Structure formats: structure tokens, C-alpha cells
């Protein structure tokens, strides 16, 4: 069982339309947080800076504070991670889309949910 987390974009001031959420990543039981890498955001430090100015929500739309989110990410860093698992079990996929940032956090460039 896992939970996806997103950046909740602001509603349009004229029509209340809310653009598509930006996928931050997923937390699954027993695993470290798996970040979604973008072209510009490829480290936990970069995500944290970006999230400091944005609202975080879980997949149900419930808000999560940056402090709560950071604690979840940092307290599970040493758990099993997606990148290591993929490199061991799916090396072709991992070679193209999975990596650890300089601090050892797991990132994937491919879409996942």
C-alpha cells in the first residue's frame, strides 16, 4: 500500500479551474520515499526548496505540511529504496530512469503511481 504526493496548483482566479497536480513521488510501506524527477528538480534539496512555496497534498487531496512531508521523507531514507531495487531486478529500466541524488534519495524520471 502506498500514497502519492502532489503539489497542488492554485485555482484560476477567474474560473476556479485547478491545473493538473505535479507528482512529487510516492511513499510505500517499508520503502523510502520515491521521488519523481523532473528536468529541473533532481534532488531532495531542490524539491524541498520548490515545496517551500507550494501546497503539498496527498492523493486524496488532503493537505500535508512541509514539516510533516520532510519528516516522512527523511525518517525513511534508510529504508529499502526503489532505485536499488530496480538496479538489482530491472537493470535496463534503472539504467534509463532511476538514480540516487547526492544525499542518497531515490529518484525516477519515468511516470509511476
Foldseek 3Di string as FASTA:
>chain_A
DKKWKWFFAAADPPPRDTDDTHTQFMDDPQEATEGEDDPVDDAPVSVLVVCVPTWMAIPVRHTDDSVRVVCRRVVRLPGHYDLVVCCVPPVVQSVPFWDAPPVGHIYGNDDDD
